[in-house]
């Protein structure tokens, strides 16, 4: 990925985190319900306790939290292009 492409992704998120903090608004997600629908679709793929999950574009690691609330204990690794997302996240992302 070229530096200018990376910048076009990172800069808007940096601004949205500054404006809204670690919230759905900063991720450009319309509602918690919309986010949960996405997460439920991923869980329907057959994830179970003990599985490994690579969360590409992990944002604030909300999927990790969602799996935990659902009682799903997985080996989670999250990555995101935005260093601001990683730094703001309270969960294991890299």
C-alpha atoms as a PDB file:
ATOM      1  CA  UNK A   1       0.000   0.000   0.000  1.00  0.00           C
ATOM      2  CA  UNK A   2       1.308   3.411  -0.912  1.00  0.00           C
ATOM      3  CA  UNK A   3       1.868   6.018   1.803  1.00  0.00           C
ATOM      4  CA  UNK A   4      -0.808   8.317   0.371  1.00  0.00           C
ATOM      5  CA  UNK A   5      -3.366   5.479   0.404  1.00  0.00           C
ATOM      6  CA  UNK A   6      -2.481   4.639   4.006  1.00  0.00           C
ATOM      7  CA  UNK A   7      -2.800   8.326   4.945  1.00  0.00           C
ATOM      8  CA  UNK A   8      -6.303   8.509   3.400  1.00  0.00           C
ATOM      9  CA  UNK A   9      -7.344   5.704   5.740  1.00  0.00           C
ATOM     10  CA  UNK A  10      -5.503   6.814   8.873  1.00  0.00           C
ATOM     11  CA  UNK A  11      -6.241  10.561   8.874  1.00  0.00           C
ATOM     12  CA  UNK A  12     -10.059  10.378   8.976  1.00  0.00           C
ATOM     13  CA  UNK A  13      -9.882   7.890  11.848  1.00  0.00           C
ATOM     14  CA  UNK A  14      -7.410  10.071  13.729  1.00  0.00           C
ATOM     15  CA  UNK A  15      -9.854  12.963  13.425  1.00  0.00           C
ATOM     16  CA  UNK A  16     -12.902  10.886  14.373  1.00  0.00           C
ATOM     17  CA  UNK A  17     -11.150   9.502  17.465  1.00  0.00           C
ATOM     18  CA  UNK A  18     -10.206  13.031  18.451  1.00  0.00           C
ATOM     19  CA  UNK A  19     -13.821  14.146  17.972  1.00  0.00           C
ATOM     20  CA  UNK A  20     -15.679  11.177  19.488  1.00  0.00           C
ATOM     21  CA  UNK A  21     -13.197   9.060  21.445  1.00  0.00           C
ATOM     22  CA  UNK A  22     -13.403   5.259  21.257  1.00  0.00           C
ATOM     23  CA  UNK A  23     -17.050   5.132  20.167  1.00  0.00           C
ATOM     24  CA  UNK A  24     -19.096   3.766  17.292  1.00  0.00           C
ATOM     25  CA  UNK A  25     -19.189   7.263  15.798  1.00  0.00           C
ATOM     26  CA  UNK A  26     -15.404   7.211  15.490  1.00  0.00           C
ATOM     27  CA  UNK A  27     -15.703   3.955  13.537  1.00  0.00           C
ATOM     28  CA  UNK A  28     -18.450   5.320  11.264  1.00  0.00           C
ATOM     29  CA  UNK A  29     -20.863   2.629  12.494  1.00  0.00           C
ATOM     30  CA  UNK A  30     -24.477   3.756  12.667  1.00  0.00           C
ATOM     31  CA  UNK A  31     -25.609   1.845  15.777  1.00  0.00           C
ATOM     32  CA  UNK A  32     -24.708  -0.844  18.285  1.00  0.00           C
ATOM     33  CA  UNK A  33     -27.394  -3.000  16.695  1.00  0.00           C
ATOM     34  CA  UNK A  34     -25.719  -2.738  13.281  1.00  0.00           C
ATOM     35  CA  UNK A  35     -22.384  -3.659  14.804  1.00  0.00           C
ATOM     36  CA  UNK A  36     -23.890  -6.646  16.628  1.00  0.00           C
ATOM     37  CA  UNK A  37     -25.478  -7.932  13.402  1.00  0.00           C
ATOM     38  CA  UNK A  38     -22.015  -7.953  11.816  1.00  0.00           C
ATOM     39  CA  UNK A  39     -20.530  -9.718  14.819  1.00  0.00           C
ATOM     40  CA  UNK A  40     -23.326 -12.312  14.902  1.00  0.00           C
ATOM     41  CA  UNK A  41     -22.700 -13.114  11.230  1.00  0.00           C
ATOM     42  CA  UNK A  42     -19.044 -13.764  12.076  1.00  0.00           C
ATOM     43  CA  UNK A  43     -19.993 -15.926  15.053  1.00  0.00           C
ATOM     44  CA  UNK A  44     -22.353 -17.930  12.841  1.00  0.00           C
ATOM     45  CA  UNK A  45     -19.306 -19.125  10.916  1.00  0.00           C
ATOM     46  CA  UNK A  46     -18.785 -21.640  13.697  1.00  0.00           C
ATOM     47  CA  UNK A  47     -16.342 -19.983  16.077  1.00  0.00           C
ATOM     48  CA  UNK A  48     -15.997 -21.819  19.348  1.00  0.00           C
ATOM     49  CA  UNK A  49     -14.002 -21.536  22.542  1.00  0.00           C
ATOM     50  CA  UNK A  50     -10.359 -22.392  21.944  1.00  0.00           C
ATOM     51  CA  UNK A  51     -10.323 -21.171  18.336  1.00  0.00           C
ATOM     52  CA  UNK A  52      -7.857 -18.563  17.096  1.00  0.00           C
ATOM     53  CA  UNK A  53      -9.156 -15.335  15.570  1.00  0.00           C
ATOM     54  CA  UNK A  54      -7.213 -12.846  13.475  1.00  0.00           C
ATOM     55  CA  UNK A  55      -9.298  -9.676  13.621  1.00  0.00           C
ATOM     56  CA  UNK A  56      -8.191  -7.645  10.584  1.00  0.00           C
ATOM     57  CA  UNK A  57      -9.285  -4.030  10.954  1.00  0.00           C
ATOM     58  CA  UNK A  58      -9.947  -4.589  14.659  1.00  0.00           C
ATOM     59  CA  UNK A  59     -10.624  -0.916  15.401  1.00  0.00           C
ATOM     60  CA  UNK A  60     -11.108  -0.712  19.164  1.00  0.00           C
ATOM     61  CA  UNK A  61     -11.286  -4.532  19.473  1.00  0.00           C
ATOM     62  CA  UNK A  62     -15.062  -4.447  19.866  1.00  0.00           C
ATOM     63  CA  UNK A  63     -15.388  -7.918  18.331  1.00  0.00           C
ATOM     64  CA  UNK A  64     -13.038  -9.272  20.996  1.00  0.00           C
ATOM     65  CA  UNK A  65     -15.250  -7.719  23.699  1.00  0.00           C
ATOM     66  CA  UNK A  66     -18.383  -9.062  22.028  1.00  0.00           C
ATOM     67  CA  UNK A  67     -17.002 -12.591  21.949  1.00  0.00           C
ATOM     68  CA  UNK A  68     -16.075 -12.303  25.636  1.00  0.00           C
ATOM     69  CA  UNK A  69     -19.582 -11.154  26.572  1.00  0.00           C
ATOM     70  CA  UNK A  70     -20.978 -14.136  24.662  1.00  0.00           C
ATOM     71  CA  UNK A  71     -18.734 -16.422  26.760  1.00  0.00           C
ATOM     72  CA  UNK A  72     -16.463 -17.278  23.839  1.00  0.00           C
ATOM     73  CA  UNK A  73     -12.835 -17.567  24.904  1.00  0.00           C
ATOM     74  CA  UNK A  74     -10.597 -17.400  21.848  1.00  0.00           C
ATOM     75  CA  UNK A  75      -6.972 -16.698  21.084  1.00  0.00           C
ATOM     76  CA  UNK A  76      -7.476 -13.207  19.620  1.00  0.00           C
ATOM     77  CA  UNK A  77      -5.002 -11.168  17.606  1.00  0.00           C
ATOM     78  CA  UNK A  78      -6.144  -7.867  16.166  1.00  0.00           C
ATOM     79  CA  UNK A  79      -4.477  -5.667  13.575  1.00  0.00           C
ATOM     80  CA  UNK A  80      -5.446  -2.280  12.205  1.00  0.00           C
ATOM     81  CA  UNK A  81      -3.837   0.219   9.840  1.00  0.00           C
ATOM     82  CA  UNK A  82      -4.654   3.049  12.226  1.00  0.00           C
ATOM     83  CA  UNK A  83      -2.128   3.366  15.042  1.00  0.00           C
ATOM     84  CA  UNK A  84      -4.663   5.599  16.812  1.00  0.00           C
ATOM     85  CA  UNK A  85      -7.162   2.733  16.887  1.00  0.00           C
ATOM     86  CA  UNK A  86      -4.566   0.418  18.393  1.00  0.00           C
ATOM     87  CA  UNK A  87      -3.414   2.953  20.974  1.00  0.00           C
ATOM     88  CA  UNK A  88      -6.999   3.750  21.992  1.00  0.00           C
ATOM     89  CA  UNK A  89      -8.067   0.105  22.189  1.00  0.00           C
ATOM     90  CA  UNK A  90      -8.348  -1.451  25.644  1.00  0.00           C
ATOM     91  CA  UNK A  91      -7.810  -4.962  24.261  1.00  0.00           C
ATOM     92  CA  UNK A  92      -5.123  -6.976  22.519  1.00  0.00           C
ATOM     93  CA  UNK A  93      -4.519  -5.482  19.113  1.00  0.00           C
ATOM     94  CA  UNK A  94      -1.212  -4.977  17.344  1.00  0.00           C
END
